[in-house]
Structures are given as C-alpha cells and as structure tokens.
Amino acid sequence: MSFAPNRSTVPVEPTPPTPPPPSPRGGPQQGGWPAPGPYTSPGMPYTAGPYAGGPGAPGAPGAPGIGPYGQPPRRTTNGLAVGSLVSGIVCCLPPLGLILGLIALPQIKKRDQEGKGLAVAGIVLSAVSCLLLVIGLATGGIGEFWGGFKEGVDEASRSKSPLSLRTGQCFSDPGKLEEYTTDVTIVDCDRPHDGEVTGVFKVTGFDKWPGEDPLDKIAEKRCETINGAYALDTWAVPKDVWLYYYLPSSQSWRLGDRTVTCAFATDKKPFSGSVRSDGTTLTDDQESFLKALNPIETVSYREPEEDPDEDFTANKVWATELLAAINTAHADLGQRSWPADSTAAVAALRKELGAASKQWLKLATAADADAYWEAYDPAWEALPEDLGADARTALDLTGAPPAGEGTSA
C-alpha cells in the first residue's frame, strides 16, 4: 500500500519569475520600475517634481506664487504713491507730488504692487495745486497769503506776558492798559504801539504779599527815576504818553513774582517811534545838557496841589527844591566847554537861569503866604519857559516841548 505525499504539510517553493531582459544603458525601464535616482545621466541638471522648484512650480518664473500655508502672499503698497498723495494733499510742494506719482505708476505695474489709486489721486491733487500756484503767482495772491500767514505767525510769537518784557521793547496792550493784563504784543517801535519799556526792578523787603498800595508807592518812585534816565530828552516824549508800570498780582506773588516793569505808555492814540534818549543814543554834550536842565522840569511838576494859604510849609519846601535845581543847572552849564555852534545859546540860557535864581530865592524865603504870593508870578516869569530851546536846537535835541507845552503851571 502506497501513500501520496500530503500537500497540506509539504511546502512547495514557487518558481521565481523570469527577469526581463536588460534594457540598453540610459533607455527606459520596462515593467514600470522607477529610475535609480535623479542623477541617472552624467552632466544632466537636477530636476524634480512641480513642488520641488522645477518648471511650473509655484514661485517659479511664470507660475503663480504660494504663500505660507498655501495662501497667496500679500501685495505691498508702493511708497512713491503714498508720497505723491501726501504731497498733493498738503500742497507744500505740488511739483514733487506730481513727479512721485508719475514715477510710481510704472513701478506699480512692473512689481505687481498696490497703490495705483493713491498715485493717481496724488497726481490729480498735485496738478491742481500747481495750477493754483501759477495763478497765485500771476495775480499776486500767493504773496498776500504768505504775508498774512507770516504776520500771523510773527504776532503769535510776539505775544508775551508783561513779566517777560525787557528794556527797550515796544508793545501793544489788548486791554488798553487796564488794571489787570495777562498778555501784551511786542511790536517794532517804528509801528504804532501803546507803550515802551524803560526798565524793570525787583521788589524786596516783604516776606508776604504787601498789597497794591505799598507796591504802587514803590513803583511810582522807582519808575520815575528809571523813566527819567531812559528818556533824557523829555520833549521828545509825546504829549499823552506818561509814566506807567506793571505790578505783580497777589496770585503771581505767590508764585515768586517780584518784578515791576516800568514804561512810557498811553491809553489814548498809539504813538510811533522810540522815546529812548540816554547814553546809548546821545552824545556827551547832549547828555550833559539834559542832565543839567531836566531836574528843573521834574521839580516844577511836583508843585503842591494846596495853595500856600492852605499849606504854606509844603509850598516853601517845593520852592526851595526848585531853586536848588536852577542853581545846579547854572553851575553845571558853566563847567563845560560846548560845541562852537551852541556856545552862544548855552551862555544865553545860563544868564537867564542866573536871573531866575534871584526871583526864586525870594519865593523860597517868603515869610508868609502873602509874601509868597507876591513873589510867585515874578519867579515863574523869570524862569525861561522853553528852558533853552535855542541851545537844544543847536545841540540837535528836540527844540520844543510836545504840543507847545512849557514848564510853567
């Protein structure tokens, strides 16, 4: 009895397939087997599929780009287009906006950028601005506009607090020199103005706000001296221009303000021209002459308001002060050699002062009010009313008091 082998238990090895015949070197592979690698042919460039940078791949020339995560990249805005629009809007340099816009348009097309609308708008606005500029230059409108603009800027820059005023500055006061002023406008002294600063000083001697009355007394006395030294040629000061000053307020005092600003000012019609006549503007002869004569004028304005019948002592004191001023002027004029063309006029004035001194001596030594009244008119008549107009003219000073005013009361 014979048995056949059990096929379920005996493995049978499969017959291997017959390999295909080899292809010629470099030829196509049969059976769909892949090529061994990218550098299969010596001297051939590396090529790969479309997502490895080959022809037709995203980002390659002629192919659409792909941004991060497969999204298209954002297009940039042309900077020249933005500059063109800004220049066209502000109208500062219209030709610049026009040029920038014309340059931007071809750049936007070539670089596939955004901003075409901006460039076109800039070109249009700049073209309009250029047209307006040409019309303005032809008609003079630009000059008027620029002049008004410049004047406005200048005026704004000249607006100052009274505390910031300095000697020699002329100013206009919008409040017309009212009691409280927060700002003034500095102007050229050749232009109409309300006042001219003669000097400043600091108040001392007070630990706390002293009140307005004490400050008024200090300011009036100090500013009178400052103004007198600033405008020695008093006849050159217009008729309605008087002593004026700005005081610290109680509020500014708490902030440390102690400054008093002295000035010549008017609350009526503004005046033009500087009233300054001191050592910076006068010759030695002019300064000496005015310093000799001015005390007579200053004291004459201090005559007491009360008659000698009411206050005899005050009137005698005043007459004595004026007599001293006359005698001092007489002596000072005789101690100096004057320019040839003014010598005779100064000598004549000096002679008149000598005669006036005798009459004012009688007034100053009057025994009572009746004697005072008796000597009063002769004293004023002896004092030269023009205080040496001829001598002043010869020395190139103002030859007449403002509005024909004299020194007499």
Protein backbone atom coordinates (compact mmCIF):
# COMPACT_ATOMS: atom_id res chain seq x y z
CA MET A 1 0.00 0.00 0.00
CA SER A 2 1.45 3.23 -1.03
CA PHE A 3 0.65 6.71 0.06
CA ALA A 4 0.90 10.01 -1.88
CA PRO A 5 2.59 12.93 -0.13
CA ASN A 6 0.31 15.19 1.92
CA ARG A 7 0.35 18.56 0.01
CA SER A 8 -1.03 20.35 3.01
CA THR A 9 2.02 19.68 5.01
CA VAL A 10 4.78 19.75 2.42
CA PRO A 11 5.74 23.27 1.32
CA VAL A 12 6.18 23.90 -2.28
CA GLU A 13 8.61 26.64 -3.32
CA PRO A 14 7.25 28.92 -6.04
CA THR A 15 9.07 29.25 -9.25
CA PRO A 16 10.75 32.67 -9.45
CA PRO A 17 9.65 34.80 -12.41
CA THR A 18 11.93 35.21 -15.26
CA PRO A 19 13.60 38.63 -15.10
CA PRO A 20 13.06 40.82 -18.11
CA PRO A 21 15.91 41.27 -20.45
CA PRO A 22 18.14 44.25 -19.60
CA SER A 23 17.47 47.45 -21.42
CA PRO A 24 20.11 49.41 -23.18
CA ARG A 25 22.07 51.83 -20.92
CA GLY A 26 20.14 55.00 -20.34
CA GLY A 27 17.00 53.70 -22.04
CA PRO A 28 13.53 53.47 -20.49
CA GLN A 29 12.86 50.87 -17.86
CA GLN A 30 10.36 48.13 -18.61
CA GLY A 31 7.76 46.93 -16.22
CA GLY A 32 7.28 50.43 -14.60
CA TRP A 33 10.34 50.21 -12.31
CA PRO A 34 11.49 53.62 -11.16
CA ALA A 35 14.76 55.14 -12.28
CA PRO A 36 17.55 54.62 -9.78
CA GLY A 37 17.90 58.35 -8.86
CA PRO A 38 17.90 61.92 -10.03
CA TYR A 39 21.46 61.86 -11.37
CA THR A 40 20.94 58.96 -13.79
CA SER A 41 22.62 60.71 -16.67
CA PRO A 42 26.03 62.26 -16.25
CA GLY A 43 26.07 66.01 -16.97
CA MET A 44 22.25 66.44 -16.84
CA PRO A 45 20.82 69.05 -14.47
CA TYR A 46 18.88 68.15 -11.38
CA THR A 47 15.14 68.13 -11.96
CA ALA A 48 12.32 67.20 -9.66
CA GLY A 49 8.56 67.39 -9.46
CA PRO A 50 6.49 70.60 -9.55
CA TYR A 51 6.63 71.12 -5.73
CA ALA A 52 10.39 70.97 -5.60
CA GLY A 53 11.04 74.13 -7.56
CA GLY A 54 11.01 72.81 -11.07
CA PRO A 55 9.42 74.47 -14.10
CA GLY A 56 5.81 75.24 -13.43
CA ALA A 57 6.28 75.08 -9.66
CA PRO A 58 4.75 77.78 -7.51
CA GLY A 59 7.21 80.65 -7.24
CA ALA A 60 8.98 79.74 -10.44
CA PRO A 61 9.02 82.20 -13.32
CA GLY A 62 5.64 82.29 -14.99
CA ALA A 63 3.88 80.43 -12.18
CA PRO A 64 1.59 81.80 -9.50
CA GLY A 65 3.19 82.15 -6.08
CA ILE A 66 2.06 80.35 -2.97
CA GLY A 67 2.45 81.98 0.43
CA PRO A 68 2.65 80.37 3.86
CA TYR A 69 0.27 77.50 4.38
CA GLY A 70 -0.65 77.56 0.73
CA GLN A 71 -2.07 81.16 0.76
CA PRO A 72 -1.11 83.82 -1.86
CA PRO A 73 1.43 86.39 -0.43
CA ARG A 74 0.23 89.96 0.42
CA ARG A 75 0.97 92.64 -2.20
CA THR A 76 2.96 95.64 -0.96
CA THR A 77 1.92 99.28 -1.45
CA ASN A 78 4.23 101.45 -3.49
CA GLY A 79 5.93 104.05 -1.28
CA LEU A 80 6.18 106.66 -4.02
CA ALA A 81 2.42 106.50 -4.50
CA VAL A 82 1.92 107.28 -0.81
CA GLY A 83 4.41 110.17 -1.04
CA SER A 84 2.61 111.54 -4.10
CA LEU A 85 -0.75 111.58 -2.30
CA VAL A 86 0.68 113.24 0.82
CA SER A 87 2.44 115.93 -1.23
CA GLY A 88 -0.75 116.57 -3.18
CA ILE A 89 -2.86 116.91 -0.02
CA VAL A 90 -0.64 119.28 1.94
CA CYS A 91 0.11 121.42 -1.13
CA CYS A 92 3.62 122.13 0.17
CA LEU A 93 5.48 121.04 -2.95
CA PRO A 94 2.96 120.38 -5.74
CA PRO A 95 5.58 119.53 -8.43
CA LEU A 96 7.08 116.89 -6.12
CA GLY A 97 3.74 115.10 -5.74
CA LEU A 98 3.24 115.14 -9.50
CA ILE A 99 6.71 113.67 -10.16
CA LEU A 100 6.37 110.99 -7.48
CA GLY A 101 3.00 109.87 -8.88
CA LEU A 102 4.29 109.61 -12.45
CA ILE A 103 7.24 107.51 -11.30
CA ALA A 104 5.05 105.30 -9.10
CA LEU A 105 2.61 104.16 -11.83
CA PRO A 106 5.07 102.11 -13.96
CA GLN A 107 6.68 100.72 -10.79
CA ILE A 108 3.30 99.50 -9.53
CA LYS A 109 2.60 97.71 -12.82
CA LYS A 110 6.05 96.16 -13.09
CA ARG A 111 6.23 94.98 -9.47
CA ASP A 112 2.57 93.99 -9.20
CA GLN A 113 2.13 96.37 -6.22
CA GLU A 114 -0.84 98.19 -4.79
CA GLY A 115 -1.19 101.97 -4.73
CA LYS A 116 -2.35 102.84 -8.23
CA GLY A 117 -5.30 104.78 -6.84
CA LEU A 118 -3.06 106.65 -4.43
CA ALA A 119 -0.68 107.62 -7.21
CA VAL A 120 -3.50 108.80 -9.48
CA ALA A 121 -5.04 110.86 -6.65
CA GLY A 122 -1.65 112.37 -5.86
CA ILE A 123 -1.11 113.30 -9.50
CA VAL A 124 -4.53 114.97 -9.74
CA LEU A 125 -4.17 116.92 -6.48
CA SER A 126 -0.64 117.98 -7.33
CA ALA A 127 -1.69 119.11 -10.79
CA VAL A 128 -4.48 121.22 -9.27
CA SER A 129 -2.04 122.67 -6.71
CA CYS A 130 0.44 123.51 -9.45
CA LEU A 131 -2.30 125.29 -11.39
CA LEU A 132 -3.36 127.28 -8.31
CA LEU A 133 0.28 128.13 -7.63
CA VAL A 134 0.75 129.50 -11.15
CA ILE A 135 -2.45 131.56 -10.86
CA GLY A 136 -1.43 132.83 -7.43
CA LEU A 137 1.99 133.90 -8.65
CA ALA A 138 0.48 135.62 -11.66
CA THR A 139 -2.11 137.55 -9.64
CA GLY A 140 -0.02 138.19 -6.50
CA GLY A 141 -2.36 136.16 -4.31
CA ILE A 142 0.44 133.93 -3.05
CA GLY A 143 2.40 136.92 -1.84
CA GLU A 144 -0.61 138.26 0.04
CA PHE A 145 -1.35 134.87 1.56
CA TRP A 146 2.25 134.31 2.63
CA GLY A 147 2.48 137.82 4.00
CA GLY A 148 -0.65 137.34 6.07
CA PHE A 149 0.47 133.93 7.25
CA LYS A 150 3.91 135.22 8.22
CA GLU A 151 2.41 138.20 10.01
CA GLY A 152 0.11 135.92 11.97
CA VAL A 153 2.99 133.67 12.99
CA ASP A 154 5.11 136.65 13.95
CA GLU A 155 2.31 138.16 16.01
CA ALA A 156 1.71 134.90 17.81
CA SER A 157 5.41 134.61 18.60
CA ARG A 158 5.44 138.18 19.92
CA SER A 159 2.59 137.66 22.38
CA LYS A 160 4.18 137.84 25.80
CA SER A 161 3.31 138.15 29.42
CA PRO A 162 4.06 141.63 30.83
CA LEU A 163 6.52 139.86 33.12
CA SER A 164 8.65 138.90 30.11
CA LEU A 165 9.01 142.44 28.73
CA ARG A 166 12.54 143.79 28.53
CA THR A 167 14.03 147.28 28.44
CA GLY A 168 13.68 148.93 25.04
CA GLN A 169 10.80 146.77 23.80
CA CYS A 170 7.67 148.45 22.47
CA PHE A 171 4.32 146.74 22.99
CA SER A 172 0.60 146.91 22.39
CA ASP A 173 -1.79 146.08 25.22
CA PRO A 174 -5.08 144.49 24.06
CA GLY A 175 -6.63 145.59 27.37
CA LYS A 176 -5.63 149.21 26.72
CA LEU A 177 -3.60 149.37 29.95
CA GLU A 178 -6.42 148.22 32.17
CA GLU A 179 -5.72 147.25 35.76
CA TYR A 180 -5.03 143.60 35.03
CA THR A 181 -3.26 142.48 31.87
CA THR A 182 -2.34 138.88 31.09
CA ASP A 183 -0.55 139.37 27.79
CA VAL A 184 0.88 142.06 25.54
CA THR A 185 2.17 142.00 21.97
CA ILE A 186 5.71 143.10 21.21
CA VAL A 187 5.90 145.31 18.13
CA ASP A 188 8.57 147.26 16.27
CA CYS A 189 8.94 150.68 17.86
CA ASP A 190 8.51 152.31 14.44
CA ARG A 191 4.97 150.93 14.32
CA PRO A 192 2.10 152.34 16.42
CA HIS A 193 2.22 150.97 19.96
CA ASP A 194 0.77 151.62 23.40
CA GLY A 195 3.96 151.61 25.41
CA GLU A 196 7.73 151.29 25.60
CA VAL A 197 9.59 149.53 28.41
CA THR A 198 12.11 151.72 30.22
CA GLY A 199 13.37 149.22 32.78
CA VAL A 200 12.49 146.60 35.39
CA PHE A 201 13.32 146.06 39.05
CA LYS A 202 12.61 143.54 41.80
CA VAL A 203 10.59 144.39 44.90
CA THR A 204 12.40 143.46 48.12
CA GLY A 205 11.78 143.77 51.85
CA PHE A 206 8.47 141.88 52.05
CA ASP A 207 8.03 138.35 53.36
CA LYS A 208 4.43 138.17 52.16
CA TRP A 209 2.09 139.94 49.73
CA PRO A 210 2.18 143.62 50.84
CA GLY A 211 -0.92 144.75 48.95
CA GLU A 212 -1.23 147.05 45.96
CA ASP A 213 -0.90 150.39 47.73
CA PRO A 214 2.63 149.82 49.07
CA LEU A 215 3.69 148.45 45.68
CA ASP A 216 2.18 151.48 43.95
CA LYS A 217 4.23 153.87 46.07
CA ILE A 218 7.43 151.94 45.43
CA ALA A 219 6.78 151.60 41.70
CA GLU A 220 5.87 155.26 41.20
CA LYS A 221 9.07 156.48 42.83
CA ARG A 222 11.42 153.94 41.25
CA CYS A 223 9.84 154.11 37.79
CA GLU A 224 10.00 157.91 37.77
CA THR A 225 13.77 157.68 38.21
CA ILE A 226 14.07 154.89 35.63
CA ASN A 227 11.94 156.74 33.07
CA GLY A 228 13.89 159.95 33.61
CA ALA A 229 17.17 158.19 32.88
CA TYR A 230 15.70 156.38 29.85
CA ALA A 231 14.25 159.47 28.15
CA LEU A 232 16.53 162.39 28.98
CA ASP A 233 15.15 164.35 26.03
CA THR A 234 11.75 164.71 27.66
CA TRP A 235 10.45 166.98 24.92
CA ALA A 236 10.67 164.03 22.52
CA VAL A 237 8.06 162.14 24.57
CA PRO A 238 4.55 162.65 23.04
CA LYS A 239 2.06 164.75 24.98
CA ASP A 240 -0.29 161.96 26.12
CA VAL A 241 2.45 159.46 26.98
CA TRP A 242 3.04 159.14 30.69
CA LEU A 243 4.69 157.06 33.38
CA TYR A 244 3.23 153.55 33.55
CA TYR A 245 4.14 150.29 35.26
CA TYR A 246 3.05 146.67 35.62
CA LEU A 247 2.93 145.30 39.18
CA PRO A 248 2.90 141.73 40.47
CA SER A 249 -0.59 140.49 41.34
CA SER A 250 -1.37 138.64 44.55
CA GLN A 251 -1.55 135.42 42.52
CA SER A 252 1.77 135.91 40.73
CA TRP A 253 3.38 136.98 44.02
CA ARG A 254 2.58 133.54 45.50
CA LEU A 255 4.41 132.03 42.52
CA GLY A 256 7.54 134.05 43.24
CA ASP A 257 6.90 137.08 41.04
CA ARG A 258 8.53 140.26 42.40
CA THR A 259 9.08 142.14 39.13
CA VAL A 260 7.87 145.67 38.41
CA THR A 261 8.03 146.70 34.75
CA CYS A 262 8.34 150.45 34.13
CA ALA A 263 7.25 152.05 30.87
CA PHE A 264 6.14 155.11 28.98
CA ALA A 265 2.60 154.37 27.80
CA THR A 266 -0.69 155.85 26.68
CA ASP A 267 -4.29 154.75 26.92
CA LYS A 268 -5.24 157.05 24.05
CA LYS A 269 -3.95 157.10 20.49
CA PRO A 270 -0.93 154.79 20.00
CA PHE A 271 2.35 156.54 19.26
CA SER A 272 5.16 155.64 16.88
CA GLY A 273 8.90 155.83 17.33
CA SER A 274 11.09 155.15 20.33
CA VAL A 275 11.31 157.72 23.11
CA ARG A 276 14.69 156.43 24.24
CA SER A 277 17.35 159.11 24.69
CA ASP A 278 20.13 158.06 27.06
CA GLY A 279 23.81 157.27 26.94
CA THR A 280 23.20 154.71 24.19
CA THR A 281 21.71 157.30 21.80
CA LEU A 282 23.07 160.71 22.91
CA THR A 283 26.43 162.44 22.57
CA ASP A 284 28.31 163.53 25.70
CA ASP A 285 27.31 167.17 25.12
CA GLN A 286 23.65 166.30 24.69
CA GLU A 287 23.63 164.07 27.77
CA SER A 288 25.37 166.69 29.93
CA PHE A 289 22.99 169.46 28.84
CA LEU A 290 19.86 167.42 29.55
CA LYS A 291 21.09 166.15 32.91
CA ALA A 292 21.70 169.77 33.94
CA LEU A 293 18.25 171.07 32.85
CA ASN A 294 15.92 168.13 33.49
CA PRO A 295 15.80 168.45 37.30
CA ILE A 296 14.22 171.92 36.88
CA GLU A 297 11.46 170.43 34.79
CA THR A 298 10.99 167.45 37.11
CA VAL A 299 10.66 169.53 40.28
CA SER A 300 8.36 172.06 38.60
CA TYR A 301 5.78 169.31 38.05
CA ARG A 302 5.77 168.49 41.77
CA GLU A 303 4.20 171.76 42.85
CA PRO A 304 1.79 171.07 45.74
CA GLU A 305 -1.89 170.98 44.93
CA GLU A 306 -2.71 173.03 48.04
CA ASP A 307 -2.27 176.78 47.88
CA PRO A 308 0.24 178.41 50.23
CA ASP A 309 -2.76 179.67 52.23
CA GLU A 310 -3.66 176.03 52.90
CA ASP A 311 -0.19 174.51 53.21
CA PHE A 312 2.45 177.19 53.35
CA THR A 313 5.23 174.85 54.50
CA ALA A 314 4.82 172.42 51.62
CA ASN A 315 4.95 175.24 49.08
CA LYS A 316 8.09 176.72 50.63
CA VAL A 317 9.80 173.30 50.56
CA TRP A 318 8.93 172.90 46.90
CA ALA A 319 10.17 176.40 46.01
CA THR A 320 13.43 175.66 47.79
CA GLU A 321 13.90 172.43 45.78
CA LEU A 322 13.29 174.23 42.51
CA LEU A 323 15.72 176.98 43.47
CA ALA A 324 18.37 174.32 44.11
CA ALA A 325 17.71 172.73 40.70
CA ILE A 326 18.10 176.14 38.99
CA ASN A 327 21.37 176.88 40.76
CA THR A 328 22.78 173.42 39.97
CA ALA A 329 21.93 173.79 36.28
CA HIS A 330 23.54 177.25 36.19
CA ALA A 331 26.74 175.85 37.68
CA ASP A 332 26.86 172.70 35.51
CA LEU A 333 26.40 174.63 32.27
CA GLY A 334 29.32 176.88 33.18
CA GLN A 335 31.72 174.00 33.89
CA ARG A 336 31.76 172.56 30.38
CA SER A 337 33.08 173.68 27.01
CA TRP A 338 30.28 173.42 24.46
CA PRO A 339 30.48 172.95 20.69
CA ALA A 340 31.11 176.24 18.86
CA ASP A 341 27.68 176.38 17.23
CA SER A 342 25.95 176.02 20.63
CA THR A 343 28.23 178.15 22.84
CA ALA A 344 26.28 181.40 22.48
CA ALA A 345 22.90 179.74 23.04
CA VAL A 346 24.10 177.92 26.16
CA ALA A 347 25.61 181.14 27.52
CA ALA A 348 22.31 182.99 26.99
CA LEU A 349 20.40 180.24 28.80
CA ARG A 350 22.85 180.32 31.67
CA LYS A 351 22.32 184.10 32.03
CA GLU A 352 18.53 183.60 32.20
CA LEU A 353 18.96 180.96 34.89
CA GLY A 354 21.04 183.37 36.93
CA ALA A 355 18.28 185.96 36.84
CA ALA A 356 15.64 183.35 37.69
CA SER A 357 17.64 182.21 40.69
CA LYS A 358 17.27 185.64 42.33
CA GLN A 359 13.49 185.61 41.97
CA TRP A 360 13.10 182.03 43.18
CA LEU A 361 15.20 182.90 46.20
CA LYS A 362 12.57 185.48 47.18
CA LEU A 363 9.84 182.88 46.75
CA ALA A 364 11.67 180.24 48.77
CA THR A 365 12.37 182.68 51.63
CA ALA A 366 8.91 184.25 51.80
CA ALA A 367 7.88 184.96 55.37
CA ASP A 368 4.21 184.13 54.95
CA ALA A 369 1.58 183.26 52.38
CA ASP A 370 1.08 186.89 51.32
CA ALA A 371 4.79 187.36 50.67
CA TYR A 372 4.80 184.03 48.82
CA TRP A 373 2.01 185.14 46.50
CA GLU A 374 3.79 188.42 45.88
CA ALA A 375 6.95 186.64 44.69
CA TYR A 376 5.17 183.78 42.87
CA ASP A 377 4.45 185.33 39.44
CA PRO A 378 7.83 187.14 39.10
CA ALA A 379 9.57 183.83 39.84
CA TRP A 380 7.76 181.97 37.05
CA GLU A 381 8.23 184.86 34.62
CA ALA A 382 12.00 184.90 35.24
CA LEU A 383 12.37 181.18 34.56
CA PRO A 384 12.77 180.67 30.79
CA GLU A 385 9.62 178.92 29.65
CA ASP A 386 11.36 176.99 26.88
CA LEU A 387 14.31 176.01 29.11
CA GLY A 388 16.82 176.80 26.37
CA ALA A 389 15.06 175.92 23.12
CA ASP A 390 17.82 177.61 21.10
CA ALA A 391 20.52 175.68 22.92
CA ARG A 392 18.61 172.43 22.48
CA THR A 393 18.26 173.02 18.75
CA ALA A 394 21.95 173.87 18.44
CA LEU A 395 22.77 170.55 20.16
CA ASP A 396 20.43 168.59 17.82
CA LEU A 397 17.91 167.94 20.57
CA THR A 398 14.14 168.43 20.43
CA GLY A 399 13.64 172.18 20.17
CA ALA A 400 10.10 172.46 21.51
CA PRO A 401 8.04 170.69 24.18
CA PRO A 402 5.22 168.46 22.93
CA ALA A 403 2.10 170.37 21.81
CA GLY A 404 3.81 173.64 22.74
CA GLU A 405 3.72 172.91 26.48
CA GLY A 406 6.10 174.81 28.71
CA THR A 407 7.32 174.19 32.23
CA SER A 408 5.08 176.65 33.94
CA ALA A 409 1.89 175.58 35.66
